[in-house]
Structure formats: C-alpha cells, structure tokens
Protein backbone atom coordinates (compact mmCIF):
# COMPACT_ATOMS: atom_id res chain seq x y z
CA MET A 1 0.00 0.00 0.00
CA GLN A 2 1.28 3.43 -0.92
CA ALA A 3 0.99 6.70 0.99
CA GLU A 4 -1.22 8.06 -1.81
CA ASP A 5 -3.74 5.25 -1.25
CA VAL A 6 -4.00 5.99 2.47
CA GLN A 7 -4.18 9.74 1.79
CA LYS A 8 -7.04 9.27 -0.68
CA ARG A 9 -8.93 7.05 1.73
CA LEU A 10 -8.60 9.53 4.59
CA ALA A 11 -9.40 12.51 2.35
CA GLU A 12 -12.67 10.83 1.33
CA ALA A 13 -13.56 10.07 4.95
CA LEU A 14 -12.52 13.51 6.25
CA PRO A 15 -13.15 15.90 3.33
CA GLU A 16 -12.97 18.98 5.54
CA CYS A 17 -9.41 18.17 6.62
CA GLU A 18 -6.05 18.53 4.92
CA ILE A 19 -4.32 15.16 4.95
CA GLU A 20 -0.68 14.34 4.34
CA VAL A 21 0.63 10.79 4.48
CA GLN A 22 4.19 9.51 4.34
CA ASN A 23 5.37 5.95 4.54
CA ASP A 24 8.47 3.87 4.88
CA GLY A 25 7.42 0.39 3.88
CA ASN A 26 4.42 -0.49 6.03
CA ARG A 27 5.08 2.26 8.60
CA PHE A 28 2.93 5.33 8.05
CA LEU A 29 2.80 8.91 9.30
CA VAL A 30 -0.53 10.73 8.97
CA VAL A 31 -0.77 14.49 9.45
CA ALA A 32 -4.38 15.66 9.52
CA VAL A 33 -5.32 19.31 9.96
CA GLY A 34 -8.88 20.53 10.30
CA GLU A 35 -11.41 22.32 12.48
CA ARG A 36 -13.05 18.94 13.03
CA PHE A 37 -10.44 18.24 15.71
CA ALA A 38 -11.22 21.36 17.75
CA GLU A 39 -13.73 19.63 20.05
CA LEU A 40 -11.81 16.36 20.34
CA ASN A 41 -9.10 15.45 22.80
CA ARG A 42 -5.91 13.77 21.58
CA VAL A 43 -7.22 10.23 22.06
CA LYS A 44 -10.48 10.92 20.21
CA ARG A 45 -8.56 12.51 17.35
CA GLN A 46 -6.39 9.41 16.99
CA GLN A 47 -9.40 7.11 17.28
CA LEU A 48 -11.05 8.94 14.40
CA ILE A 49 -8.06 8.28 12.13
CA TYR A 50 -7.54 4.70 13.38
CA GLY A 51 -11.20 3.96 12.72
CA GLU A 52 -10.80 4.81 9.04
CA LEU A 53 -7.75 2.54 8.70
CA GLU A 54 -8.78 -0.23 11.09
CA ASP A 55 -9.01 -2.96 8.45
CA LEU A 56 -5.54 -2.15 7.07
CA LEU A 57 -4.08 -2.28 10.58
CA ALA A 58 -5.86 -5.54 11.41
CA GLU A 59 -4.63 -7.30 8.29
CA GLY A 60 -1.08 -5.99 8.74
CA THR A 61 -0.97 -3.85 5.60
CA ILE A 62 -0.14 -0.99 7.93
CA HIS A 63 2.24 -2.19 10.62
CA ALA A 64 2.85 1.08 12.46
CA LEU A 65 0.84 4.29 12.36
CA THR A 66 1.88 7.65 13.74
CA ILE A 67 -0.88 10.27 13.84
CA ARG A 68 -0.60 14.01 14.18
CA ALA A 69 -4.14 15.38 14.15
CA MET A 70 -4.54 19.07 14.89
CA THR A 71 -6.59 22.16 14.31
CA PRO A 72 -5.34 24.79 11.84
CA GLN A 73 -4.37 26.99 14.81
CA GLU A 74 -2.34 24.16 16.38
CA TRP A 75 -0.69 23.48 13.03
CA GLN A 76 0.20 27.15 12.61
CA ALA A 77 1.67 27.32 16.12
CA ARG A 78 3.72 24.19 15.44
CA GLN A 79 5.08 25.63 12.19
CA SER A 80 6.19 28.86 13.86
CA GLN A 81 8.23 27.07 16.54
C-alpha cells in the first residue's frame, strides 16, 4: 500500500481536513489538519483516524501508524516554533 492510497482514503472520509501521508514500507505517518479536531481530545482525534484505517491495521498492511491530528491553529503554532 502506498501513501497516496492511504491519503485518498482519509481525504474521502474527512473531506474537511487537509491530509498528508508519508510511509516507509508499512510504517505510516498521517498528518491531519482541520477544524473537526477542535472539540476532540488527543485520544479521540487518533481514534477517528484509526477507525478509518482499522481494516488495514488488522490485516497488517499498515504495521505502524503515527498520527498528528490538529486544528489549523495548532498546526500554525507548530510551524512557527
């Protein structure tokens, strides 16, 4: 599975968010930025992303998944550090 496949899948599930995906083999990094995360704590944000990729994780297509889910304001603050 390629990063583009995961990105497309997440973009369809979370159309209001900007999604970037990188991978190294079957290890993936997902960066998701959107207002949707404003009312969610860190665990709920990760659960939202995991839920969309649950089948790929269960079958081992994705072995490791790192998630950075944030609001646009959090993303901006992170970029200016």
